[in-house]
Amino acid sequence: MSMGVGMTAEEYVAPSRAVGPDAVFVRHRLKSPKVADSAYIAPTAVLCGDVTVGPHSRVLFGAVITAEGGPVEIGANCVIMENAVLRGVPHHPTRLGDHVLVGPHASLTGCVVEGDTRIATGAVVFNGARIEVGAEVEFHAVVYVNTVVPAGTAVPMGWFAGGDPAELVASGEWERIRALIGPLDYPGTVFGAAGADGGIPDIARRYARALALHNRDTVLQPAQHDRLADPQAERPTHLKQRRVSDASATDERL
């Protein structure tokens, strides 16, 4: 590439590489993903609709982040690992604060994770749930609808968390789990079907109609997604250099 007449090597600045050039960015419901320049989006990852990925966050192979009628907002220095699914839904956006690790095959729908948190491999967090700062959800644990896991709490491996504040129940204690889940209203919260007589056939039909909006999706060309402004981008040069060094150290730890 020519540097142009009168331009020295010292003056030439190489253009930055597009974020996630081999990932799938999808415009859905007239909204396109918005990603910080310092983020990494892996090949085979999918970002669909009103999705925001903050500075220095990483979305790894096979992860799916989709705004199905509600936005998904991911803060800074978050890691969404392989094959995790994050979904925003009507009335329940999904919001991750800063410094959140989401393990492989985890599923988060319509929930808030305040920050400084680990959601481990295979964990499930449902609509209306809130994971407060510093709480953790261990391997294959379930955080039920409309549940609040208080700050500093750890939901043990394979356990159930239900209620506000969450009561933690071992997976084999089905009678106690059943007593907790009734008032939390899973059908009404997830499917808007409280008191409906149609059961699963009615829910499936309505859900299929809503998902038919994907027929109008547009898969964007590389670098056509929206850019998220980095609030630190205009900092003095010496501070920007320190920020880059800090980011590199973070990447090495990952």
C-alpha atoms as a PDB file:
ATOM      1  CA  MET A   1       0.000   0.000   0.000  1.00  0.00           C
ATOM      2  CA  SER A   2       1.380   3.405  -0.953  1.00  0.00           C
ATOM      3  CA  MET A   3       1.850   5.878   1.859  1.00  0.00           C
ATOM      4  CA  GLY A   4       1.202   8.818  -0.471  1.00  0.00           C
ATOM      5  CA  VAL A   5       3.352  11.721  -1.550  1.00  0.00           C
ATOM      6  CA  GLY A   6       5.096  13.517   1.303  1.00  0.00           C
ATOM      7  CA  MET A   7       4.099  11.017   4.025  1.00  0.00           C
ATOM      8  CA  THR A   8       6.902   9.481   6.083  1.00  0.00           C
ATOM      9  CA  ALA A   9       6.895   6.055   7.678  1.00  0.00           C
ATOM     10  CA  GLU A  10       6.653   7.702  11.107  1.00  0.00           C
ATOM     11  CA  GLU A  11       3.474   9.551  10.068  1.00  0.00           C
ATOM     12  CA  TYR A  12       1.711   6.559   8.554  1.00  0.00           C
ATOM     13  CA  VAL A  13      -0.891   4.955  10.797  1.00  0.00           C
ATOM     14  CA  ALA A  14      -2.110   1.532   9.739  1.00  0.00           C
ATOM     15  CA  PRO A  15      -5.906   1.307   9.557  1.00  0.00           C
ATOM     16  CA  SER A  16      -7.468  -0.613  12.406  1.00  0.00           C
ATOM     17  CA  ARG A  17      -8.765  -4.100  11.650  1.00  0.00           C
ATOM     18  CA  ALA A  18     -12.524  -4.470  11.510  1.00  0.00           C
ATOM     19  CA  VAL A  19     -14.067  -5.965  14.638  1.00  0.00           C
ATOM     20  CA  GLY A  20     -15.275  -9.510  14.040  1.00  0.00           C
ATOM     21  CA  PRO A  21     -14.793  -9.600  10.243  1.00  0.00           C
ATOM     22  CA  ASP A  22     -15.803 -13.264  10.113  1.00  0.00           C
ATOM     23  CA  ALA A  23     -18.601 -13.126  12.696  1.00  0.00           C
ATOM     24  CA  VAL A  24     -22.287 -12.929  11.755  1.00  0.00           C
ATOM     25  CA  PHE A  25     -23.897  -9.550  12.411  1.00  0.00           C
ATOM     26  CA  VAL A  26     -27.638  -9.437  11.760  1.00  0.00           C
ATOM     27  CA  ARG A  27     -29.971  -6.460  11.461  1.00  0.00           C
ATOM     28  CA  HIS A  28     -33.224  -7.460  13.185  1.00  0.00           C
ATOM     29  CA  ARG A  29     -36.314  -5.352  13.942  1.00  0.00           C
ATOM     30  CA  LEU A  30     -34.522  -2.404  12.281  1.00  0.00           C
ATOM     31  CA  LYS A  31     -31.673  -2.587  14.815  1.00  0.00           C
ATOM     32  CA  SER A  32     -28.019  -3.507  14.168  1.00  0.00           C
ATOM     33  CA  PRO A  33     -25.411  -4.685  16.695  1.00  0.00           C
ATOM     34  CA  LYS A  34     -23.154  -2.012  18.170  1.00  0.00           C
ATOM     35  CA  VAL A  35     -19.622  -3.071  19.120  1.00  0.00           C
ATOM     36  CA  ALA A  36     -16.656  -1.229  20.636  1.00  0.00           C
ATOM     37  CA  ASP A  37     -13.536  -1.142  18.462  1.00  0.00           C
ATOM     38  CA  SER A  38     -11.513  -2.785  21.238  1.00  0.00           C
ATOM     39  CA  ALA A  39     -13.891  -5.766  21.527  1.00  0.00           C
ATOM     40  CA  TYR A  40     -13.271  -9.168  19.932  1.00  0.00           C
ATOM     41  CA  ILE A  41     -16.053 -11.095  18.191  1.00  0.00           C
ATOM     42  CA  ALA A  42     -14.970 -14.577  17.090  1.00  0.00           C
ATOM     43  CA  PRO A  43     -15.717 -16.238  13.774  1.00  0.00           C
ATOM     44  CA  THR A  44     -18.953 -18.288  14.080  1.00  0.00           C
ATOM     45  CA  ALA A  45     -20.297 -15.979  16.812  1.00  0.00           C
ATOM     46  CA  VAL A  46     -23.690 -14.402  16.013  1.00  0.00           C
ATOM     47  CA  LEU A  47     -24.906 -10.967  17.129  1.00  0.00           C
ATOM     48  CA  CYS A  48     -28.501 -10.228  16.144  1.00  0.00           C
ATOM     49  CA  GLY A  49     -30.455  -7.003  16.522  1.00  0.00           C
ATOM     50  CA  ASP A  50     -30.220  -4.464  19.335  1.00  0.00           C
ATOM     51  CA  VAL A  51     -27.013  -5.848  20.874  1.00  0.00           C
ATOM     52  CA  THR A  52     -24.258  -3.733  22.450  1.00  0.00           C
ATOM     53  CA  VAL A  53     -20.789  -5.081  23.276  1.00  0.00           C
ATOM     54  CA  GLY A  54     -18.592  -2.814  25.386  1.00  0.00           C
ATOM     55  CA  PRO A  55     -14.849  -2.066  25.360  1.00  0.00           C
ATOM     56  CA  HIS A  56     -12.386  -4.955  25.680  1.00  0.00           C
ATOM     57  CA  SER A  57     -15.148  -7.561  25.859  1.00  0.00           C
ATOM     58  CA  ARG A  58     -14.776 -10.913  24.073  1.00  0.00           C
ATOM     59  CA  VAL A  59     -17.434 -13.037  22.408  1.00  0.00           C
ATOM     60  CA  LEU A  60     -16.022 -16.457  21.591  1.00  0.00           C
ATOM     61  CA  PHE A  61     -16.764 -19.159  19.027  1.00  0.00           C
ATOM     62  CA  GLY A  62     -20.348 -20.295  18.614  1.00  0.00           C
ATOM     63  CA  ALA A  63     -21.819 -17.795  21.067  1.00  0.00           C
ATOM     64  CA  VAL A  64     -25.218 -16.344  20.126  1.00  0.00           C
ATOM     65  CA  ILE A  65     -26.347 -12.942  21.399  1.00  0.00           C
ATOM     66  CA  THR A  66     -29.808 -12.058  20.130  1.00  0.00           C
ATOM     67  CA  ALA A  67     -32.288  -9.276  20.845  1.00  0.00           C
ATOM     68  CA  GLU A  68     -35.693 -10.922  20.484  1.00  0.00           C
ATOM     69  CA  GLY A  69     -37.806  -7.861  21.238  1.00  0.00           C
ATOM     70  CA  GLY A  70     -35.574  -6.625  24.060  1.00  0.00           C
ATOM     71  CA  PRO A  71     -31.997  -5.319  23.934  1.00  0.00           C
ATOM     72  CA  VAL A  72     -28.851  -7.095  25.101  1.00  0.00           C
ATOM     73  CA  GLU A  73     -26.228  -4.827  26.675  1.00  0.00           C
ATOM     74  CA  ILE A  74     -22.778  -6.159  27.572  1.00  0.00           C
ATOM     75  CA  GLY A  75     -20.403  -3.958  29.549  1.00  0.00           C
ATOM     76  CA  ALA A  76     -16.630  -3.646  29.520  1.00  0.00           C
ATOM     77  CA  ASN A  77     -14.139  -6.496  30.050  1.00  0.00           C
ATOM     78  CA  CYS A  78     -16.773  -9.211  29.764  1.00  0.00           C
ATOM     79  CA  VAL A  79     -16.094 -12.677  28.328  1.00  0.00           C
ATOM     80  CA  ILE A  80     -18.892 -14.636  26.652  1.00  0.00           C
ATOM     81  CA  MET A  81     -17.459 -18.107  26.109  1.00  0.00           C
ATOM     82  CA  GLU A  82     -18.079 -20.795  23.518  1.00  0.00           C
ATOM     83  CA  ASN A  83     -21.706 -21.669  22.668  1.00  0.00           C
ATOM     84  CA  ALA A  84     -23.233 -19.448  25.337  1.00  0.00           C
ATOM     85  CA  VAL A  85     -26.639 -17.930  24.499  1.00  0.00           C
ATOM     86  CA  LEU A  86     -27.733 -14.460  25.656  1.00  0.00           C
ATOM     87  CA  ARG A  87     -31.235 -13.317  24.723  1.00  0.00           C
ATOM     88  CA  GLY A  88     -33.156 -10.098  25.334  1.00  0.00           C
ATOM     89  CA  VAL A  89     -36.961 -10.379  25.242  1.00  0.00           C
ATOM     90  CA  PRO A  90     -39.983  -8.045  25.506  1.00  0.00           C
ATOM     91  CA  HIS A  91     -40.258  -6.484  28.972  1.00  0.00           C
ATOM     92  CA  HIS A  92     -36.977  -8.144  29.969  1.00  0.00           C
ATOM     93  CA  PRO A  93     -33.752  -6.778  28.464  1.00  0.00           C
ATOM     94  CA  THR A  94     -30.557  -8.644  29.223  1.00  0.00           C
ATOM     95  CA  ARG A  95     -27.900  -6.416  30.784  1.00  0.00           C
ATOM     96  CA  LEU A  96     -24.407  -7.404  31.880  1.00  0.00           C
ATOM     97  CA  GLY A  97     -22.322  -4.941  33.848  1.00  0.00           C
ATOM     98  CA  ASP A  98     -18.541  -4.808  33.694  1.00  0.00           C
ATOM     99  CA  HIS A  99     -16.273  -7.796  34.423  1.00  0.00           C
ATOM    100  CA  VAL A 100     -18.724 -10.624  33.829  1.00  0.00           C
ATOM    101  CA  LEU A 101     -17.566 -14.108  32.767  1.00  0.00           C
ATOM    102  CA  VAL A 102     -20.194 -16.284  31.077  1.00  0.00           C
ATOM    103  CA  GLY A 103     -19.094 -19.898  30.704  1.00  0.00           C
ATOM    104  CA  PRO A 104     -19.538 -22.263  27.765  1.00  0.00           C
ATOM    105  CA  HIS A 105     -23.120 -23.423  27.076  1.00  0.00           C
ATOM    106  CA  ALA A 106     -24.600 -21.046  29.659  1.00  0.00           C
ATOM    107  CA  SER A 107     -28.020 -19.555  28.854  1.00  0.00           C
ATOM    108  CA  LEU A 108     -29.116 -16.071  29.986  1.00  0.00           C
ATOM    109  CA  THR A 109     -32.528 -14.724  28.991  1.00  0.00           C
ATOM    110  CA  GLY A 110     -34.074 -11.408  29.977  1.00  0.00           C
ATOM    111  CA  CYS A 111     -31.932 -11.023  33.097  1.00  0.00           C
ATOM    112  CA  VAL A 112     -29.626  -8.484  34.740  1.00  0.00           C
ATOM    113  CA  VAL A 113     -26.108  -9.401  35.882  1.00  0.00           C
ATOM    114  CA  GLU A 114     -24.807  -6.386  37.739  1.00  0.00           C
ATOM    115  CA  GLY A 115     -21.073  -7.072  37.439  1.00  0.00           C
ATOM    116  CA  ASP A 116     -17.935  -8.674  38.900  1.00  0.00           C
ATOM    117  CA  THR A 117     -19.664 -12.007  38.390  1.00  0.00           C
ATOM    118  CA  ARG A 118     -19.068 -15.502  37.011  1.00  0.00           C
ATOM    119  CA  ILE A 119     -21.881 -17.480  35.396  1.00  0.00           C
ATOM    120  CA  ALA A 120     -20.329 -20.931  35.044  1.00  0.00           C
ATOM    121  CA  THR A 121     -20.576 -23.605  32.360  1.00  0.00           C
ATOM    122  CA  GLY A 122     -24.111 -24.772  31.603  1.00  0.00           C
ATOM    123  CA  ALA A 123     -25.807 -22.427  34.088  1.00  0.00           C
ATOM    124  CA  VAL A 124     -29.274 -21.075  33.248  1.00  0.00           C
ATOM    125  CA  VAL A 125     -30.568 -17.645  34.296  1.00  0.00           C
ATOM    126  CA  PHE A 126     -34.212 -16.928  33.450  1.00  0.00           C
ATOM    127  CA  ASN A 127     -36.383 -13.909  32.652  1.00  0.00           C
ATOM    128  CA  GLY A 128     -36.693 -11.227  35.307  1.00  0.00           C
ATOM    129  CA  ALA A 129     -33.783 -12.566  37.355  1.00  0.00           C
ATOM    130  CA  ARG A 130     -31.138 -10.301  38.848  1.00  0.00           C
ATOM    131  CA  ILE A 131     -27.629 -11.388  39.842  1.00  0.00           C
ATOM    132  CA  GLU A 132     -26.248  -8.734  42.152  1.00  0.00           C
ATOM    133  CA  VAL A 133     -22.626  -7.567  42.226  1.00  0.00           C
ATOM    134  CA  GLY A 134     -20.157 -10.290  43.065  1.00  0.00           C
ATOM    135  CA  ALA A 135     -22.691 -13.130  43.188  1.00  0.00           C
ATOM    136  CA  GLU A 136     -21.817 -16.330  41.315  1.00  0.00           C
ATOM    137  CA  VAL A 137     -23.783 -19.073  39.596  1.00  0.00           C
ATOM    138  CA  GLU A 138     -21.912 -22.373  39.508  1.00  0.00           C
ATOM    139  CA  PHE A 139     -21.878 -25.174  36.937  1.00  0.00           C
ATOM    140  CA  HIS A 140     -25.363 -26.203  35.715  1.00  0.00           C
ATOM    141  CA  ALA A 141     -27.154 -24.217  38.416  1.00  0.00           C
ATOM    142  CA  VAL A 142     -30.563 -22.655  37.664  1.00  0.00           C
ATOM    143  CA  VAL A 143     -31.685 -19.162  38.628  1.00  0.00           C
ATOM    144  CA  TYR A 144     -35.458 -19.141  38.158  1.00  0.00           C
ATOM    145  CA  VAL A 145     -37.708 -16.361  36.843  1.00  0.00           C
ATOM    146  CA  ASN A 146     -38.086 -13.187  38.935  1.00  0.00           C
ATOM    147  CA  THR A 147     -35.352 -14.315  41.323  1.00  0.00           C
ATOM    148  CA  VAL A 148     -32.781 -12.063  42.979  1.00  0.00           C
ATOM    149  CA  VAL A 149     -29.420 -13.574  43.926  1.00  0.00           C
ATOM    150  CA  PRO A 150     -27.969 -11.190  46.546  1.00  0.00           C
ATOM    151  CA  ALA A 151     -24.477  -9.727  46.309  1.00  0.00           C
ATOM    152  CA  GLY A 152     -21.766 -12.154  47.333  1.00  0.00           C
ATOM    153  CA  THR A 153     -24.019 -15.236  47.148  1.00  0.00           C
ATOM    154  CA  ALA A 154     -22.877 -18.361  45.291  1.00  0.00           C
ATOM    155  CA  VAL A 155     -25.508 -20.692  43.826  1.00  0.00           C
ATOM    156  CA  PRO A 156     -23.868 -24.134  44.207  1.00  0.00           C
ATOM    157  CA  MET A 157     -23.194 -26.563  41.394  1.00  0.00           C
ATOM    158  CA  GLY A 158     -26.455 -28.006  40.057  1.00  0.00           C
ATOM    159  CA  TRP A 159     -28.641 -26.219  42.635  1.00  0.00           C
ATOM    160  CA  PHE A 160     -31.849 -24.211  42.152  1.00  0.00           C
ATOM    161  CA  ALA A 161     -32.264 -20.572  43.177  1.00  0.00           C
ATOM    162  CA  GLY A 162     -35.780 -19.140  43.462  1.00  0.00           C
ATOM    163  CA  GLY A 163     -37.415 -16.125  45.089  1.00  0.00           C
ATOM    164  CA  ASP A 164     -36.498 -12.609  46.200  1.00  0.00           C
ATOM    165  CA  PRO A 165     -34.111 -12.962  47.896  1.00  0.00           C
ATOM    166  CA  ALA A 166     -33.181 -16.318  46.410  1.00  0.00           C
ATOM    167  CA  GLU A 167     -33.611 -19.475  48.412  1.00  0.00           C
ATOM    168  CA  LEU A 168     -30.993 -22.064  47.416  1.00  0.00           C
ATOM    169  CA  VAL A 169     -32.266 -25.625  47.063  1.00  0.00           C
ATOM    170  CA  ALA A 170     -30.446 -28.830  46.115  1.00  0.00           C
ATOM    171  CA  SER A 171     -31.649 -30.353  42.857  1.00  0.00           C
ATOM    172  CA  GLY A 172     -33.158 -33.427  44.528  1.00  0.00           C
ATOM    173  CA  GLU A 173     -35.482 -31.453  46.816  1.00  0.00           C
ATOM    174  CA  TRP A 174     -38.302 -31.308  44.293  1.00  0.00           C
ATOM    175  CA  GLU A 175     -41.145 -30.597  46.750  1.00  0.00           C
ATOM    176  CA  ARG A 176     -39.412 -27.472  48.029  1.00  0.00           C
ATOM    177  CA  ILE A 177     -38.585 -26.373  44.460  1.00  0.00           C
ATOM    178  CA  ARG A 178     -42.229 -26.859  43.445  1.00  0.00           C
ATOM    179  CA  ALA A 179     -43.386 -24.716  46.350  1.00  0.00           C
ATOM    180  CA  LEU A 180     -41.040 -21.931  45.276  1.00  0.00           C
ATOM    181  CA  ILE A 181     -41.752 -21.880  41.545  1.00  0.00           C
ATOM    182  CA  GLY A 182     -45.542 -21.469  41.677  1.00  0.00           C
ATOM    183  CA  PRO A 183     -45.686 -17.831  42.884  1.00  0.00           C
ATOM    184  CA  LEU A 184     -42.837 -16.838  40.532  1.00  0.00           C
ATOM    185  CA  ASP A 185     -45.123 -17.371  37.484  1.00  0.00           C
ATOM    186  CA  TYR A 186     -42.962 -18.965  34.818  1.00  0.00           C
ATOM    187  CA  PRO A 187     -45.713 -19.135  32.109  1.00  0.00           C
ATOM    188  CA  GLY A 188     -46.721 -15.517  32.546  1.00  0.00           C
ATOM    189  CA  THR A 189     -43.178 -14.176  32.792  1.00  0.00           C
ATOM    190  CA  VAL A 190     -41.661 -16.139  29.918  1.00  0.00           C
ATOM    191  CA  PHE A 191     -44.602 -16.569  27.531  1.00  0.00           C
ATOM    192  CA  GLY A 192     -47.149 -13.988  28.683  1.00  0.00           C
ATOM    193  CA  ALA A 193     -49.496 -16.902  29.210  1.00  0.00           C
ATOM    194  CA  ALA A 194     -50.666 -16.484  32.795  1.00  0.00           C
ATOM    195  CA  GLY A 195     -54.099 -18.029  33.103  1.00  0.00           C
ATOM    196  CA  ALA A 196     -54.147 -19.108  29.451  1.00  0.00           C
ATOM    197  CA  ASP A 197     -56.134 -22.247  28.660  1.00  0.00           C
ATOM    198  CA  GLY A 198     -54.317 -23.200  25.469  1.00  0.00           C
ATOM    199  CA  GLY A 199     -51.236 -24.653  27.129  1.00  0.00           C
ATOM    200  CA  ILE A 200     -48.209 -25.564  25.062  1.00  0.00           C
ATOM    201  CA  PRO A 201     -49.955 -25.547  21.618  1.00  0.00           C
ATOM    202  CA  ASP A 202     -51.083 -21.944  22.126  1.00  0.00           C
ATOM    203  CA  ILE A 203     -47.689 -20.871  23.489  1.00  0.00           C
ATOM    204  CA  ALA A 204     -45.865 -22.525  20.583  1.00  0.00           C
ATOM    205  CA  ARG A 205     -48.094 -20.831  17.982  1.00  0.00           C
ATOM    206  CA  ARG A 206     -47.647 -17.376  19.489  1.00  0.00           C
ATOM    207  CA  TYR A 207     -43.913 -17.865  19.925  1.00  0.00           C
ATOM    208  CA  ALA A 208     -43.576 -19.013  16.309  1.00  0.00           C
ATOM    209  CA  ARG A 209     -45.460 -15.929  15.087  1.00  0.00           C
ATOM    210  CA  ALA A 210     -43.103 -13.642  17.008  1.00  0.00           C
ATOM    211  CA  LEU A 211     -40.012 -15.392  15.664  1.00  0.00           C
ATOM    212  CA  ALA A 212     -41.329 -15.051  12.107  1.00  0.00           C
ATOM    213  CA  LEU A 213     -39.941 -11.511  12.191  1.00  0.00           C
ATOM    214  CA  HIS A 214     -36.556 -13.104  11.451  1.00  0.00           C
ATOM    215  CA  ASN A 215     -37.804 -13.542   7.869  1.00  0.00           C
ATOM    216  CA  ARG A 216     -37.048  -9.834   7.454  1.00  0.00           C
ATOM    217  CA  ASP A 217     -33.517  -9.973   8.863  1.00  0.00           C
ATOM    218  CA  THR A 218     -30.500  -8.735   6.940  1.00  0.00           C
ATOM    219  CA  VAL A 219     -27.086 -10.324   7.405  1.00  0.00           C
ATOM    220  CA  LEU A 220     -24.641  -7.416   7.366  1.00  0.00           C
ATOM    221  CA  GLN A 221     -21.424  -7.279   5.412  1.00  0.00           C
ATOM    222  CA  PRO A 222     -18.171  -7.160   7.424  1.00  0.00           C
ATOM    223  CA  ALA A 223     -17.718  -3.919   9.386  1.00  0.00           C
ATOM    224  CA  GLN A 224     -21.291  -2.765   8.655  1.00  0.00           C
ATOM    225  CA  HIS A 225     -22.335  -3.086  12.291  1.00  0.00           C
ATOM    226  CA  ASP A 226     -22.491   0.125  14.322  1.00  0.00           C
ATOM    227  CA  ARG A 227     -19.450   1.256  16.294  1.00  0.00           C
ATOM    228  CA  LEU A 228     -19.724   1.863  20.024  1.00  0.00           C
ATOM    229  CA  ALA A 229     -17.853   4.956  21.173  1.00  0.00           C
ATOM    230  CA  ASP A 230     -15.144   4.217  23.730  1.00  0.00           C
ATOM    231  CA  PRO A 231     -15.421   6.850  26.506  1.00  0.00           C
ATOM    232  CA  GLN A 232     -11.655   6.577  27.080  1.00  0.00           C
ATOM    233  CA  ALA A 233     -10.764   7.189  23.439  1.00  0.00           C
ATOM    234  CA  GLU A 234     -10.143  10.909  23.973  1.00  0.00           C
ATOM    235  CA  ARG A 235      -7.953  10.537  27.040  1.00  0.00           C
ATOM    236  CA  PRO A 236      -4.391  11.955  27.003  1.00  0.00           C
ATOM    237  CA  THR A 237      -1.856   9.877  25.093  1.00  0.00           C
ATOM    238  CA  HIS A 238       0.047   8.604  28.154  1.00  0.00           C
ATOM    239  CA  LEU A 239      -3.213   7.389  29.731  1.00  0.00           C
ATOM    240  CA  LYS A 240      -4.304   5.720  26.499  1.00  0.00           C
ATOM    241  CA  GLN A 241      -0.979   3.893  26.383  1.00  0.00           C
ATOM    242  CA  ARG A 242      -1.526   2.658  29.914  1.00  0.00           C
ATOM    243  CA  ARG A 243      -5.052   1.515  28.970  1.00  0.00           C
ATOM    244  CA  VAL A 244      -3.696  -0.499  26.046  1.00  0.00           C
ATOM    245  CA  SER A 245      -1.087  -2.100  28.301  1.00  0.00           C
ATOM    246  CA  ASP A 246      -3.757  -3.005  30.858  1.00  0.00           C
ATOM    247  CA  ALA A 247      -5.919  -4.531  28.120  1.00  0.00           C
ATOM    248  CA  SER A 248      -2.995  -6.614  26.879  1.00  0.00           C
ATOM    249  CA  ALA A 249      -2.398  -7.933  30.376  1.00  0.00           C
ATOM    250  CA  THR A 250      -6.087  -8.853  30.627  1.00  0.00           C
ATOM    251  CA  ASP A 251      -5.927 -10.695  27.321  1.00  0.00           C
ATOM    252  CA  GLU A 252      -2.933 -12.711  28.524  1.00  0.00           C
ATOM    253  CA  ARG A 253      -4.822 -13.766  31.651  1.00  0.00           C
ATOM    254  CA  LEU A 254      -7.717 -14.989  29.515  1.00  0.00           C
END
